[in-house]
Amino acid sequence: MKINPYDQNDYTPVPSKFTLFMRKCVIWQFIRFIAINLKMLVVVSKSH
């Protein structure tokens, strides 16, 4: 059995094509932006 100092499993995972698409998709980013802002509004409104 040969032990390699660095194996492919030692590196960070590579994102899938779908993940890369979602990161670049402006429409999806806008939807996430609205969702996060709505969550922040709920949190702030509960604290006041």
PDB file of N, CA and C in Angstrom:
ATOM      1  N   MET A   1       0.844  -1.188   0.000  1.00  0.00           N
ATOM      2  CA  MET A   1       0.000   0.000   0.000  1.00  0.00           C
ATOM      3  C   MET A   1       0.886   1.248   0.000  1.00  0.00           C
ATOM      4  N   LYS A   2       0.658   2.115  -0.955  1.00  0.00           N
ATOM      5  CA  LYS A   2       1.434   3.338  -1.059  1.00  0.00           C
ATOM      6  C   LYS A   2       0.641   4.497  -0.449  1.00  0.00           C
ATOM      7  N   ILE A   3       1.284   5.265   0.415  1.00  0.00           N
ATOM      8  CA  ILE A   3       0.632   6.404   1.051  1.00  0.00           C
ATOM      9  C   ILE A   3       1.137   7.678   0.374  1.00  0.00           C
ATOM     10  N   ASN A   4       0.222   8.412  -0.209  1.00  0.00           N
ATOM     11  CA  ASN A   4       0.571   9.673  -0.860  1.00  0.00           C
ATOM     12  C   ASN A   4       0.457  10.814   0.157  1.00  0.00           C
ATOM     13  N   PRO A   5       1.368  11.766   0.119  1.00  0.00           N
ATOM     14  CA  PRO A   5       1.278  12.862   1.075  1.00  0.00           C
ATOM     15  C   PRO A   5       0.035  13.733   0.869  1.00  0.00           C
ATOM     16  N   TYR A   6      -0.378  13.880  -0.370  1.00  0.00           N
ATOM     17  CA  TYR A   6      -1.580  14.653  -0.665  1.00  0.00           C
ATOM     18  C   TYR A   6      -2.478  13.832  -1.565  1.00  0.00           C
ATOM     19  N   ASP A   7      -3.685  13.672  -1.134  1.00  0.00           N
ATOM     20  CA  ASP A   7      -4.660  12.915  -1.896  1.00  0.00           C
ATOM     21  C   ASP A   7      -5.706  13.897  -2.421  1.00  0.00           C
ATOM     22  N   GLN A   8      -6.445  13.510  -3.424  1.00  0.00           N
ATOM     23  CA  GLN A   8      -7.488  14.368  -3.984  1.00  0.00           C
ATOM     24  C   GLN A   8      -8.538  14.707  -2.930  1.00  0.00           C
ATOM     25  N   ASN A   9      -8.761  13.814  -1.984  1.00  0.00           N
ATOM     26  CA  ASN A   9      -9.763  14.050  -0.947  1.00  0.00           C
ATOM     27  C   ASN A   9      -9.322  15.098   0.071  1.00  0.00           C
ATOM     28  N   ASP A  10      -8.061  15.480   0.060  1.00  0.00           N
ATOM     29  CA  ASP A  10      -7.562  16.478   1.000  1.00  0.00           C
ATOM     30  C   ASP A  10      -7.917  17.906   0.593  1.00  0.00           C
ATOM     31  N   TYR A  11      -8.314  18.101  -0.627  1.00  0.00           N
ATOM     32  CA  TYR A  11      -8.605  19.439  -1.120  1.00  0.00           C
ATOM     33  C   TYR A  11     -10.062  19.797  -0.885  1.00  0.00           C
ATOM     34  N   THR A  12     -10.340  21.080  -0.999  1.00  0.00           N
ATOM     35  CA  THR A  12     -11.717  21.530  -0.793  1.00  0.00           C
ATOM     36  C   THR A  12     -12.615  20.993  -1.904  1.00  0.00           C
ATOM     37  N   PRO A  13     -13.888  20.803  -1.606  1.00  0.00           N
ATOM     38  CA  PRO A  13     -14.793  20.280  -2.623  1.00  0.00           C
ATOM     39  C   PRO A  13     -15.010  21.297  -3.757  1.00  0.00           C
ATOM     40  N   VAL A  14     -15.193  20.793  -4.934  1.00  0.00           N
ATOM     41  CA  VAL A  14     -15.433  21.630  -6.107  1.00  0.00           C
ATOM     42  C   VAL A  14     -16.944  21.782  -6.265  1.00  0.00           C
ATOM     43  N   PRO A  15     -17.436  23.025  -6.389  1.00  0.00           N
ATOM     44  CA  PRO A  15     -18.888  23.200  -6.537  1.00  0.00           C
ATOM     45  C   PRO A  15     -19.387  22.624  -7.855  1.00  0.00           C
ATOM     46  N   SER A  16     -20.637  22.186  -7.820  1.00  0.00           N
ATOM     47  CA  SER A  16     -21.231  21.612  -9.030  1.00  0.00           C
ATOM     48  C   SER A  16     -21.572  22.729 -10.020  1.00  0.00           C
ATOM     49  N   LYS A  17     -21.925  22.336 -11.215  1.00  0.00           N
ATOM     50  CA  LYS A  17     -22.285  23.325 -12.238  1.00  0.00           C
ATOM     51  C   LYS A  17     -23.534  24.085 -11.832  1.00  0.00           C
ATOM     52  N   PHE A  18     -24.473  23.395 -11.179  1.00  0.00           N
ATOM     53  CA  PHE A  18     -25.697  24.064 -10.723  1.00  0.00           C
ATOM     54  C   PHE A  18     -25.374  25.112  -9.665  1.00  0.00           C
ATOM     55  N   THR A  19     -24.479  24.787  -8.742  1.00  0.00           N
ATOM     56  CA  THR A  19     -24.081  25.735  -7.701  1.00  0.00           C
ATOM     57  C   THR A  19     -23.415  26.959  -8.315  1.00  0.00           C
ATOM     58  N   LEU A  20     -22.531  26.737  -9.261  1.00  0.00           N
ATOM     59  CA  LEU A  20     -21.883  27.863  -9.934  1.00  0.00           C
ATOM     60  C   LEU A  20     -22.900  28.723 -10.684  1.00  0.00           C
ATOM     61  N   PHE A  21     -23.883  28.079 -11.305  1.00  0.00           N
ATOM     62  CA  PHE A  21     -24.925  28.821 -12.010  1.00  0.00           C
ATOM     63  C   PHE A  21     -25.721  29.687 -11.046  1.00  0.00           C
ATOM     64  N   MET A  22     -26.084  29.114  -9.884  1.00  0.00           N
ATOM     65  CA  MET A  22     -26.875  29.863  -8.910  1.00  0.00           C
ATOM     66  C   MET A  22     -26.082  31.030  -8.326  1.00  0.00           C
ATOM     67  N   ARG A  23     -24.781  30.888  -8.211  1.00  0.00           N
ATOM     68  CA  ARG A  23     -23.948  31.985  -7.706  1.00  0.00           C
ATOM     69  C   ARG A  23     -23.878  33.136  -8.699  1.00  0.00           C
ATOM     70  N   LYS A  24     -23.976  32.834  -9.986  1.00  0.00           N
ATOM     71  CA  LYS A  24     -23.858  33.861 -11.018  1.00  0.00           C
ATOM     72  C   LYS A  24     -25.206  34.416 -11.471  1.00  0.00           C
ATOM     73  N   CYS A  25     -26.284  33.746 -11.134  1.00  0.00           N
ATOM     74  CA  CYS A  25     -27.619  34.116 -11.612  1.00  0.00           C
ATOM     75  C   CYS A  25     -28.110  35.376 -10.880  1.00  0.00           C
ATOM     76  N   VAL A  26     -28.279  36.457 -11.614  1.00  0.00           N
ATOM     77  CA  VAL A  26     -28.685  37.732 -11.024  1.00  0.00           C
ATOM     78  C   VAL A  26     -30.100  37.651 -10.459  1.00  0.00           C
ATOM     79  N   ILE A  27     -30.980  36.939 -11.139  1.00  0.00           N
ATOM     80  CA  ILE A  27     -32.369  36.807 -10.670  1.00  0.00           C
ATOM     81  C   ILE A  27     -32.388  36.103  -9.316  1.00  0.00           C
ATOM     82  N   TRP A  28     -31.641  35.010  -9.174  1.00  0.00           N
ATOM     83  CA  TRP A  28     -31.594  34.288  -7.909  1.00  0.00           C
ATOM     84  C   TRP A  28     -30.987  35.151  -6.809  1.00  0.00           C
ATOM     85  N   GLN A  29     -29.954  35.914  -7.133  1.00  0.00           N
ATOM     86  CA  GLN A  29     -29.343  36.795  -6.146  1.00  0.00           C
ATOM     87  C   GLN A  29     -30.333  37.851  -5.673  1.00  0.00           C
ATOM     88  N   PHE A  30     -31.133  38.372  -6.582  1.00  0.00           N
ATOM     89  CA  PHE A  30     -32.143  39.363  -6.205  1.00  0.00           C
ATOM     90  C   PHE A  30     -33.203  38.748  -5.297  1.00  0.00           C
ATOM     91  N   ILE A  31     -33.637  37.536  -5.605  1.00  0.00           N
ATOM     92  CA  ILE A  31     -34.625  36.849  -4.762  1.00  0.00           C
ATOM     93  C   ILE A  31     -34.062  36.618  -3.370  1.00  0.00           C
ATOM     94  N   ARG A  32     -32.820  36.169  -3.279  1.00  0.00           N
ATOM     95  CA  ARG A  32     -32.188  35.954  -1.974  1.00  0.00           C
ATOM     96  C   ARG A  32     -32.027  37.271  -1.217  1.00  0.00           C
ATOM     97  N   PHE A  33     -31.699  38.344  -1.935  1.00  0.00           N
ATOM     98  CA  PHE A  33     -31.555  39.661  -1.332  1.00  0.00           C
ATOM     99  C   PHE A  33     -32.866  40.089  -0.678  1.00  0.00           C
ATOM    100  N   ILE A  34     -33.976  39.930  -1.394  1.00  0.00           N
ATOM    101  CA  ILE A  34     -35.294  40.288  -0.854  1.00  0.00           C
ATOM    102  C   ILE A  34     -35.618  39.416   0.358  1.00  0.00           C
ATOM    103  N   ALA A  35     -35.362  38.113   0.264  1.00  0.00           N
ATOM    104  CA  ALA A  35     -35.676  37.204   1.370  1.00  0.00           C
ATOM    105  C   ALA A  35     -34.884  37.559   2.627  1.00  0.00           C
ATOM    106  N   ILE A  36     -33.607  37.851   2.473  1.00  0.00           N
ATOM    107  CA  ILE A  36     -32.784  38.202   3.629  1.00  0.00           C
ATOM    108  C   ILE A  36     -33.243  39.524   4.227  1.00  0.00           C
ATOM    109  N   ASN A  37     -33.594  40.484   3.392  1.00  0.00           N
ATOM    110  CA  ASN A  37     -34.089  41.761   3.907  1.00  0.00           C
ATOM    111  C   ASN A  37     -35.403  41.592   4.659  1.00  0.00           C
ATOM    112  N   LEU A  38     -36.275  40.723   4.164  1.00  0.00           N
ATOM    113  CA  LEU A  38     -37.535  40.473   4.877  1.00  0.00           C
ATOM    114  C   LEU A  38     -37.270  39.821   6.236  1.00  0.00           C
ATOM    115  N   LYS A  39     -36.330  38.898   6.290  1.00  0.00           N
ATOM    116  CA  LYS A  39     -35.980  38.276   7.567  1.00  0.00           C
ATOM    117  C   LYS A  39     -35.436  39.313   8.544  1.00  0.00           C
ATOM    118  N   MET A  40     -34.601  40.219   8.039  1.00  0.00           N
ATOM    119  CA  MET A  40     -34.054  41.267   8.912  1.00  0.00           C
ATOM    120  C   MET A  40     -35.160  42.186   9.410  1.00  0.00           C
ATOM    121  N   LEU A  41     -36.118  42.511   8.555  1.00  0.00           N
ATOM    122  CA  LEU A  41     -37.239  43.350   8.982  1.00  0.00           C
ATOM    123  C   LEU A  41     -38.038  42.687  10.092  1.00  0.00           C
ATOM    124  N   VAL A  42     -38.247  41.379   9.994  1.00  0.00           N
ATOM    125  CA  VAL A  42     -38.984  40.660  11.029  1.00  0.00           C
ATOM    126  C   VAL A  42     -38.219  40.703  12.345  1.00  0.00           C
ATOM    127  N   VAL A  43     -36.919  40.474  12.306  1.00  0.00           N
ATOM    128  CA  VAL A  43     -36.102  40.476  13.524  1.00  0.00           C
ATOM    129  C   VAL A  43     -36.101  41.871  14.159  1.00  0.00           C
ATOM    130  N   VAL A  44     -35.936  42.904  13.339  1.00  0.00           N
ATOM    131  CA  VAL A  44     -35.908  44.260  13.868  1.00  0.00           C
ATOM    132  C   VAL A  44     -37.267  44.659  14.413  1.00  0.00           C
ATOM    133  N   SER A  45     -38.324  44.277  13.734  1.00  0.00           N
ATOM    134  CA  SER A  45     -39.669  44.649  14.209  1.00  0.00           C
ATOM    135  C   SER A  45     -40.016  43.949  15.525  1.00  0.00           C
ATOM    136  N   LYS A  46     -39.475  42.762  15.748  1.00  0.00           N
ATOM    137  CA  LYS A  46     -39.709  42.073  17.018  1.00  0.00           C
ATOM    138  C   LYS A  46     -38.959  42.728  18.153  1.00  0.00           C
ATOM    139  N   SER A  47     -37.822  43.339  17.865  1.00  0.00           N
ATOM    140  CA  SER A  47     -37.024  43.930  18.932  1.00  0.00           C
ATOM    141  C   SER A  47     -37.506  45.319  19.318  1.00  0.00           C
ATOM    142  N   HIS A  48     -38.358  45.941  18.502  1.00  0.00           N
ATOM    143  CA  HIS A  48     -38.833  47.281  18.833  1.00  0.00           C
ATOM    144  C   HIS A  48     -40.258  47.280  19.298  1.00  0.00           C
TER     145      HIS A  48
END
